[in-house]
Amino acid sequence: MTTSEKFKEATDNFQMWLGVLISTVEGTIPQAQKVLDEKTKSISGYSPESDAELILRDISKRLDDVNSSFNNILKSISML
């Protein structure tokens, strides 16, 4: 596989994960805000803040995926 092909594959993967991150943010931020605003019965058995933290963990996971895929871009051009 050529460097150009590796780069294209890595950038396509990066864009895919970036899209997943954006979707995750769009879904989880309002969900966390709702938990904090409504002060409903806790899903974790703790505070609404703890529930919001649990919800927001998905963003952290997706950020890891985006960072990993960006590292793969750098590897494809021998920069990492």
PDB file of N, CA and C in Angstrom:
ATOM      1  N   MET A   1       0.848  -1.166   0.000  1.00  0.00           N
ATOM      2  CA  MET A   1       0.000   0.000   0.000  1.00  0.00           C
ATOM      3  C   MET A   1       0.904   1.243   0.000  1.00  0.00           C
ATOM      4  N   THR A   2       0.601   2.179  -0.861  1.00  0.00           N
ATOM      5  CA  THR A   2       1.420   3.384  -0.954  1.00  0.00           C
ATOM      6  C   THR A   2       1.115   4.337   0.200  1.00  0.00           C
ATOM      7  N   THR A   3       2.009   5.289   0.388  1.00  0.00           N
ATOM      8  CA  THR A   3       1.799   6.303   1.432  1.00  0.00           C
ATOM      9  C   THR A   3       0.507   7.066   1.182  1.00  0.00           C
ATOM     10  N   SER A   4       0.252   7.390  -0.068  1.00  0.00           N
ATOM     11  CA  SER A   4      -0.972   8.114  -0.415  1.00  0.00           C
ATOM     12  C   SER A   4      -2.226   7.301  -0.070  1.00  0.00           C
ATOM     13  N   GLU A   5      -2.185   6.007  -0.335  1.00  0.00           N
ATOM     14  CA  GLU A   5      -3.325   5.139  -0.017  1.00  0.00           C
ATOM     15  C   GLU A   5      -3.512   5.011   1.487  1.00  0.00           C
ATOM     16  N   LYS A   6      -2.390   4.878   2.198  1.00  0.00           N
ATOM     17  CA  LYS A   6      -2.465   4.805   3.659  1.00  0.00           C
ATOM     18  C   LYS A   6      -3.035   6.096   4.237  1.00  0.00           C
ATOM     19  N   PHE A   7      -2.573   7.211   3.701  1.00  0.00           N
ATOM     20  CA  PHE A   7      -3.058   8.512   4.166  1.00  0.00           C
ATOM     21  C   PHE A   7      -4.559   8.651   3.903  1.00  0.00           C
ATOM     22  N   LYS A   8      -4.991   8.292   2.713  1.00  0.00           N
ATOM     23  CA  LYS A   8      -6.417   8.379   2.359  1.00  0.00           C
ATOM     24  C   LYS A   8      -7.250   7.508   3.287  1.00  0.00           C
ATOM     25  N   GLU A   9      -6.794   6.284   3.518  1.00  0.00           N
ATOM     26  CA  GLU A   9      -7.526   5.378   4.412  1.00  0.00           C
ATOM     27  C   GLU A   9      -7.586   5.954   5.830  1.00  0.00           C
ATOM     28  N   ALA A  10      -6.471   6.487   6.297  1.00  0.00           N
ATOM     29  CA  ALA A  10      -6.413   7.052   7.651  1.00  0.00           C
ATOM     30  C   ALA A  10      -7.299   8.301   7.770  1.00  0.00           C
ATOM     31  N   THR A  11      -7.293   9.141   6.756  1.00  0.00           N
ATOM     32  CA  THR A  11      -8.136  10.349   6.834  1.00  0.00           C
ATOM     33  C   THR A  11      -9.616  10.002   6.729  1.00  0.00           C
ATOM     34  N   ASP A  12      -9.952   9.007   5.936  1.00  0.00           N
ATOM     35  CA  ASP A  12     -11.353   8.559   5.869  1.00  0.00           C
ATOM     36  C   ASP A  12     -11.805   8.048   7.235  1.00  0.00           C
ATOM     37  N   ASN A  13     -10.941   7.278   7.880  1.00  0.00           N
ATOM     38  CA  ASN A  13     -11.248   6.748   9.207  1.00  0.00           C
ATOM     39  C   ASN A  13     -11.396   7.894  10.222  1.00  0.00           C
ATOM     40  N   PHE A  14     -10.502   8.863  10.146  1.00  0.00           N
ATOM     41  CA  PHE A  14     -10.567  10.016  11.037  1.00  0.00           C
ATOM     42  C   PHE A  14     -11.892  10.764  10.860  1.00  0.00           C
ATOM     43  N   GLN A  15     -12.277  11.003   9.622  1.00  0.00           N
ATOM     44  CA  GLN A  15     -13.530  11.709   9.364  1.00  0.00           C
ATOM     45  C   GLN A  15     -14.735  10.922   9.883  1.00  0.00           C
ATOM     46  N   MET A  16     -14.678   9.612   9.760  1.00  0.00           N
ATOM     47  CA  MET A  16     -15.768   8.779  10.276  1.00  0.00           C
ATOM     48  C   MET A  16     -15.875   8.942  11.792  1.00  0.00           C
ATOM     49  N   TRP A  17     -14.735   8.826  12.492  1.00  0.00           N
ATOM     50  CA  TRP A  17     -14.766   8.953  13.948  1.00  0.00           C
ATOM     51  C   TRP A  17     -15.144  10.361  14.388  1.00  0.00           C
ATOM     52  N   LEU A  18     -14.745  11.353  13.614  1.00  0.00           N
ATOM     53  CA  LEU A  18     -15.135  12.723  13.931  1.00  0.00           C
ATOM     54  C   LEU A  18     -16.656  12.872  13.834  1.00  0.00           C
ATOM     55  N   GLY A  19     -17.247  12.250  12.831  1.00  0.00           N
ATOM     56  CA  GLY A  19     -18.706  12.265  12.700  1.00  0.00           C
ATOM     57  C   GLY A  19     -19.391  11.574  13.867  1.00  0.00           C
ATOM     58  N   VAL A  20     -18.812  10.462  14.313  1.00  0.00           N
ATOM     59  CA  VAL A  20     -19.355   9.746  15.473  1.00  0.00           C
ATOM     60  C   VAL A  20     -19.259  10.631  16.715  1.00  0.00           C
ATOM     61  N   LEU A  21     -18.133  11.324  16.873  1.00  0.00           N
ATOM     62  CA  LEU A  21     -17.970  12.238  18.015  1.00  0.00           C
ATOM     63  C   LEU A  21     -19.027  13.333  17.989  1.00  0.00           C
ATOM     64  N   ILE A  22     -19.225  13.940  16.839  1.00  0.00           N
ATOM     65  CA  ILE A  22     -20.216  15.015  16.725  1.00  0.00           C
ATOM     66  C   ILE A  22     -21.608  14.497  17.089  1.00  0.00           C
ATOM     67  N   SER A  23     -21.968  13.338  16.577  1.00  0.00           N
ATOM     68  CA  SER A  23     -23.273  12.744  16.902  1.00  0.00           C
ATOM     69  C   SER A  23     -23.393  12.455  18.392  1.00  0.00           C
ATOM     70  N   THR A  24     -22.324  11.962  18.972  1.00  0.00           N
ATOM     71  CA  THR A  24     -22.325  11.646  20.404  1.00  0.00           C
ATOM     72  C   THR A  24     -22.509  12.913  21.223  1.00  0.00           C
ATOM     73  N   VAL A  25     -21.790  13.964  20.865  1.00  0.00           N
ATOM     74  CA  VAL A  25     -21.912  15.240  21.576  1.00  0.00           C
ATOM     75  C   VAL A  25     -23.342  15.773  21.458  1.00  0.00           C
ATOM     76  N   GLU A  26     -23.876  15.738  20.254  1.00  0.00           N
ATOM     77  CA  GLU A  26     -25.238  16.241  20.035  1.00  0.00           C
ATOM     78  C   GLU A  26     -26.278  15.464  20.837  1.00  0.00           C
ATOM     79  N   GLY A  27     -26.024  14.195  21.079  1.00  0.00           N
ATOM     80  CA  GLY A  27     -26.972  13.389  21.841  1.00  0.00           C
ATOM     81  C   GLY A  27     -26.765  13.444  23.339  1.00  0.00           C
ATOM     82  N   THR A  28     -25.526  13.465  23.774  1.00  0.00           N
ATOM     83  CA  THR A  28     -25.271  13.338  25.207  1.00  0.00           C
ATOM     84  C   THR A  28     -25.332  14.655  25.975  1.00  0.00           C
ATOM     85  N   ILE A  29     -24.938  15.742  25.349  1.00  0.00           N
ATOM     86  CA  ILE A  29     -24.995  17.032  26.061  1.00  0.00           C
ATOM     87  C   ILE A  29     -26.433  17.357  26.467  1.00  0.00           C
ATOM     88  N   PRO A  30     -27.398  17.295  25.553  1.00  0.00           N
ATOM     89  CA  PRO A  30     -28.780  17.560  25.975  1.00  0.00           C
ATOM     90  C   PRO A  30     -29.290  16.564  27.020  1.00  0.00           C
ATOM     91  N   GLN A  31     -28.868  15.321  26.889  1.00  0.00           N
ATOM     92  CA  GLN A  31     -29.292  14.303  27.858  1.00  0.00           C
ATOM     93  C   GLN A  31     -28.734  14.635  29.240  1.00  0.00           C
ATOM     94  N   ALA A  32     -27.479  15.008  29.314  1.00  0.00           N
ATOM     95  CA  ALA A  32     -26.868  15.379  30.600  1.00  0.00           C
ATOM     96  C   ALA A  32     -27.525  16.633  31.158  1.00  0.00           C
ATOM     97  N   GLN A  33     -27.805  17.597  30.294  1.00  0.00           N
ATOM     98  CA  GLN A  33     -28.461  18.832  30.734  1.00  0.00           C
ATOM     99  C   GLN A  33     -29.846  18.535  31.296  1.00  0.00           C
ATOM    100  N   LYS A  34     -30.559  17.635  30.657  1.00  0.00           N
ATOM    101  CA  LYS A  34     -31.899  17.260  31.119  1.00  0.00           C
ATOM    102  C   LYS A  34     -31.834  16.640  32.514  1.00  0.00           C
ATOM    103  N   VAL A  35     -30.872  15.750  32.708  1.00  0.00           N
ATOM    104  CA  VAL A  35     -30.705  15.115  34.019  1.00  0.00           C
ATOM    105  C   VAL A  35     -30.439  16.178  35.085  1.00  0.00           C
ATOM    106  N   LEU A  36     -29.603  17.149  34.756  1.00  0.00           N
ATOM    107  CA  LEU A  36     -29.264  18.194  35.724  1.00  0.00           C
ATOM    108  C   LEU A  36     -30.431  19.146  35.972  1.00  0.00           C
ATOM    109  N   ASP A  37     -31.184  19.468  34.930  1.00  0.00           N
ATOM    110  CA  ASP A  37     -32.300  20.406  35.050  1.00  0.00           C
ATOM    111  C   ASP A  37     -33.491  19.812  35.803  1.00  0.00           C
ATOM    112  N   GLU A  38     -33.798  18.559  35.507  1.00  0.00           N
ATOM    113  CA  GLU A  38     -35.003  17.960  36.068  1.00  0.00           C
ATOM    114  C   GLU A  38     -34.800  17.398  37.464  1.00  0.00           C
ATOM    115  N   LYS A  39     -33.557  17.154  37.827  1.00  0.00           N
ATOM    116  CA  LYS A  39     -33.260  16.588  39.151  1.00  0.00           C
ATOM    117  C   LYS A  39     -34.148  15.366  39.416  1.00  0.00           C
ATOM    118  N   THR A  40     -34.293  14.545  38.374  1.00  0.00           N
ATOM    119  CA  THR A  40     -35.123  13.350  38.492  1.00  0.00           C
ATOM    120  C   THR A  40     -34.418  12.299  39.329  1.00  0.00           C
ATOM    121  N   LYS A  41     -35.124  11.223  39.579  1.00  0.00           N
ATOM    122  CA  LYS A  41     -34.529  10.131  40.341  1.00  0.00           C
ATOM    123  C   LYS A  41     -33.271   9.651  39.632  1.00  0.00           C
ATOM    124  N   SER A  42     -32.244   9.486  40.381  1.00  0.00           N
ATOM    125  CA  SER A  42     -30.931   9.141  39.848  1.00  0.00           C
ATOM    126  C   SER A  42     -30.932   7.775  39.179  1.00  0.00           C
ATOM    127  N   ILE A  43     -30.276   7.702  38.017  1.00  0.00           N
ATOM    128  CA  ILE A  43     -30.125   6.411  37.339  1.00  0.00           C
ATOM    129  C   ILE A  43     -28.965   5.616  37.937  1.00  0.00           C
ATOM    130  N   SER A  44     -28.043   6.322  38.597  1.00  0.00           N
ATOM    131  CA  SER A  44     -26.878   5.645  39.177  1.00  0.00           C
ATOM    132  C   SER A  44     -27.040   5.374  40.667  1.00  0.00           C
ATOM    133  N   GLY A  45     -28.075   5.974  41.261  1.00  0.00           N
ATOM    134  CA  GLY A  45     -28.239   5.839  42.697  1.00  0.00           C
ATOM    135  C   GLY A  45     -27.521   6.935  43.466  1.00  0.00           C
ATOM    136  N   TYR A  46     -26.899   7.850  42.734  1.00  0.00           N
ATOM    137  CA  TYR A  46     -26.176   8.945  43.362  1.00  0.00           C
ATOM    138  C   TYR A  46     -26.821  10.272  42.979  1.00  0.00           C
ATOM    139  N   SER A  47     -26.048  11.291  42.786  1.00  0.00           N
ATOM    140  CA  SER A  47     -26.566  12.622  42.475  1.00  0.00           C
ATOM    141  C   SER A  47     -26.811  12.789  40.971  1.00  0.00           C
ATOM    142  N   PRO A  48     -27.620  13.802  40.606  1.00  0.00           N
ATOM    143  CA  PRO A  48     -27.787  14.109  39.180  1.00  0.00           C
ATOM    144  C   PRO A  48     -26.447  14.410  38.503  1.00  0.00           C
ATOM    145  N   GLU A  49     -25.527  15.005  39.249  1.00  0.00           N
ATOM    146  CA  GLU A  49     -24.207  15.305  38.695  1.00  0.00           C
ATOM    147  C   GLU A  49     -23.464  14.018  38.331  1.00  0.00           C
ATOM    148  N   SER A  50     -23.582  13.001  39.186  1.00  0.00           N
ATOM    149  CA  SER A  50     -22.968  11.705  38.896  1.00  0.00           C
ATOM    150  C   SER A  50     -23.597  11.071  37.661  1.00  0.00           C
ATOM    151  N   ASP A  51     -24.903  11.223  37.536  1.00  0.00           N
ATOM    152  CA  ASP A  51     -25.581  10.705  36.347  1.00  0.00           C
ATOM    153  C   ASP A  51     -25.086  11.421  35.095  1.00  0.00           C
ATOM    154  N   ALA A  52     -24.948  12.742  35.180  1.00  0.00           N
ATOM    155  CA  ALA A  52     -24.455  13.510  34.039  1.00  0.00           C
ATOM    156  C   ALA A  52     -23.049  13.056  33.668  1.00  0.00           C
ATOM    157  N   GLU A  53     -22.226  12.802  34.668  1.00  0.00           N
ATOM    158  CA  GLU A  53     -20.870  12.327  34.399  1.00  0.00           C
ATOM    159  C   GLU A  53     -20.896  10.988  33.662  1.00  0.00           C
ATOM    160  N   LEU A  54     -21.752  10.088  34.086  1.00  0.00           N
ATOM    161  CA  LEU A  54     -21.869   8.793  33.411  1.00  0.00           C
ATOM    162  C   LEU A  54     -22.281   8.964  31.958  1.00  0.00           C
ATOM    163  N   ILE A  55     -23.213   9.860  31.725  1.00  0.00           N
ATOM    164  CA  ILE A  55     -23.684  10.123  30.363  1.00  0.00           C
ATOM    165  C   ILE A  55     -22.553  10.692  29.505  1.00  0.00           C
ATOM    166  N   LEU A  56     -21.777  11.603  30.077  1.00  0.00           N
ATOM    167  CA  LEU A  56     -20.726  12.283  29.321  1.00  0.00           C
ATOM    168  C   LEU A  56     -19.510  11.400  29.047  1.00  0.00           C
ATOM    169  N   ARG A  57     -19.418  10.261  29.699  1.00  0.00           N
ATOM    170  CA  ARG A  57     -18.280   9.361  29.459  1.00  0.00           C
ATOM    171  C   ARG A  57     -18.205   8.902  28.008  1.00  0.00           C
ATOM    172  N   ASP A  58     -19.347   8.830  27.346  1.00  0.00           N
ATOM    173  CA  ASP A  58     -19.343   8.436  25.932  1.00  0.00           C
ATOM    174  C   ASP A  58     -18.539   9.425  25.094  1.00  0.00           C
ATOM    175  N   ILE A  59     -18.592  10.700  25.466  1.00  0.00           N
ATOM    176  CA  ILE A  59     -17.814  11.696  24.730  1.00  0.00           C
ATOM    177  C   ILE A  59     -16.326  11.415  24.898  1.00  0.00           C
ATOM    178  N   SER A  60     -15.924  11.094  26.094  1.00  0.00           N
ATOM    179  CA  SER A  60     -14.518  10.789  26.352  1.00  0.00           C
ATOM    180  C   SER A  60     -14.056   9.601  25.507  1.00  0.00           C
ATOM    181  N   LYS A  61     -14.882   8.585  25.412  1.00  0.00           N
ATOM    182  CA  LYS A  61     -14.536   7.412  24.602  1.00  0.00           C
ATOM    183  C   LYS A  61     -14.378   7.781  23.127  1.00  0.00           C
ATOM    184  N   ARG A  62     -15.285   8.610  22.634  1.00  0.00           N
ATOM    185  CA  ARG A  62     -15.215   9.022  21.230  1.00  0.00           C
ATOM    186  C   ARG A  62     -14.013   9.925  20.984  1.00  0.00           C
ATOM    187  N   LEU A  63     -13.656  10.759  21.960  1.00  0.00           N
ATOM    188  CA  LEU A  63     -12.449  11.581  21.823  1.00  0.00           C
ATOM    189  C   LEU A  63     -11.212  10.692  21.701  1.00  0.00           C
ATOM    190  N   ASP A  64     -11.180   9.618  22.467  1.00  0.00           N
ATOM    191  CA  ASP A  64     -10.073   8.667  22.367  1.00  0.00           C
ATOM    192  C   ASP A  64     -10.002   8.060  20.964  1.00  0.00           C
ATOM    193  N   ASP A  65     -11.171   7.733  20.411  1.00  0.00           N
ATOM    194  CA  ASP A  65     -11.213   7.172  19.055  1.00  0.00           C
ATOM    195  C   ASP A  65     -10.697   8.178  18.024  1.00  0.00           C
ATOM    196  N   VAL A  66     -11.114   9.445  18.178  1.00  0.00           N
ATOM    197  CA  VAL A  66     -10.670  10.491  17.257  1.00  0.00           C
ATOM    198  C   VAL A  66      -9.159  10.692  17.375  1.00  0.00           C
ATOM    199  N   ASN A  67      -8.661  10.749  18.607  1.00  0.00           N
ATOM    200  CA  ASN A  67      -7.221  10.923  18.803  1.00  0.00           C
ATOM    201  C   ASN A  67      -6.433   9.763  18.212  1.00  0.00           C
ATOM    202  N   SER A  68      -6.910   8.571  18.415  1.00  0.00           N
ATOM    203  CA  SER A  68      -6.237   7.395  17.866  1.00  0.00           C
ATOM    204  C   SER A  68      -6.216   7.441  16.338  1.00  0.00           C
ATOM    205  N   SER A  69      -7.339   7.811  15.755  1.00  0.00           N
ATOM    206  CA  SER A  69      -7.381   7.863  14.291  1.00  0.00           C
ATOM    207  C   SER A  69      -6.505   8.993  13.757  1.00  0.00           C
ATOM    208  N   PHE A  70      -6.380  10.093  14.504  1.00  0.00           N
ATOM    209  CA  PHE A  70      -5.471  11.156  14.083  1.00  0.00           C
ATOM    210  C   PHE A  70      -4.020  10.669  14.152  1.00  0.00           C
ATOM    211  N   ASN A  71      -3.693   9.926  15.191  1.00  0.00           N
ATOM    212  CA  ASN A  71      -2.349   9.343  15.278  1.00  0.00           C
ATOM    213  C   ASN A  71      -2.068   8.433  14.085  1.00  0.00           C
ATOM    214  N   ASN A  72      -3.091   7.729  13.627  1.00  0.00           N
ATOM    215  CA  ASN A  72      -2.923   6.878  12.448  1.00  0.00           C
ATOM    216  C   ASN A  72      -2.643   7.705  11.189  1.00  0.00           C
ATOM    217  N   ILE A  73      -3.213   8.900  11.115  1.00  0.00           N
ATOM    218  CA  ILE A  73      -2.889   9.800  10.000  1.00  0.00           C
ATOM    219  C   ILE A  73      -1.405  10.147  10.052  1.00  0.00           C
ATOM    220  N   LEU A  74      -0.948  10.511  11.240  1.00  0.00           N
ATOM    221  CA  LEU A  74       0.471  10.859  11.383  1.00  0.00           C
ATOM    222  C   LEU A  74       1.376   9.677  11.061  1.00  0.00           C
ATOM    223  N   LYS A  75       0.975   8.488  11.501  1.00  0.00           N
ATOM    224  CA  LYS A  75       1.761   7.290  11.187  1.00  0.00           C
ATOM    225  C   LYS A  75       1.813   7.037   9.683  1.00  0.00           C
ATOM    226  N   SER A  76       0.717   7.325   9.000  1.00  0.00           N
ATOM    227  CA  SER A  76       0.665   7.055   7.557  1.00  0.00           C
ATOM    228  C   SER A  76       1.660   7.904   6.778  1.00  0.00           C
ATOM    229  N   ILE A  77       2.064   9.030   7.347  1.00  0.00           N
ATOM    230  CA  ILE A  77       3.058   9.879   6.684  1.00  0.00           C
ATOM    231  C   ILE A  77       4.377   9.900   7.462  1.00  0.00           C
ATOM    232  N   SER A  78       4.561   8.870   8.285  1.00  0.00           N
ATOM    233  CA  SER A  78       5.796   8.676   9.057  1.00  0.00           C
ATOM    234  C   SER A  78       6.138   9.849   9.969  1.00  0.00           C
ATOM    235  N   MET A  79       5.119  10.434  10.569  1.00  0.00           N
ATOM    236  CA  MET A  79       5.330  11.541  11.492  1.00  0.00           C
ATOM    237  C   MET A  79       5.139  11.116  12.943  1.00  0.00           C
ATOM    238  N   LEU A  80       4.857   9.866  13.169  1.00  0.00           N
ATOM    239  CA  LEU A  80       4.671   9.360  14.529  1.00  0.00           C
ATOM    240  C   LEU A  80       5.242   7.973  14.626  1.00  0.00           C
TER     241      LEU A  80
END
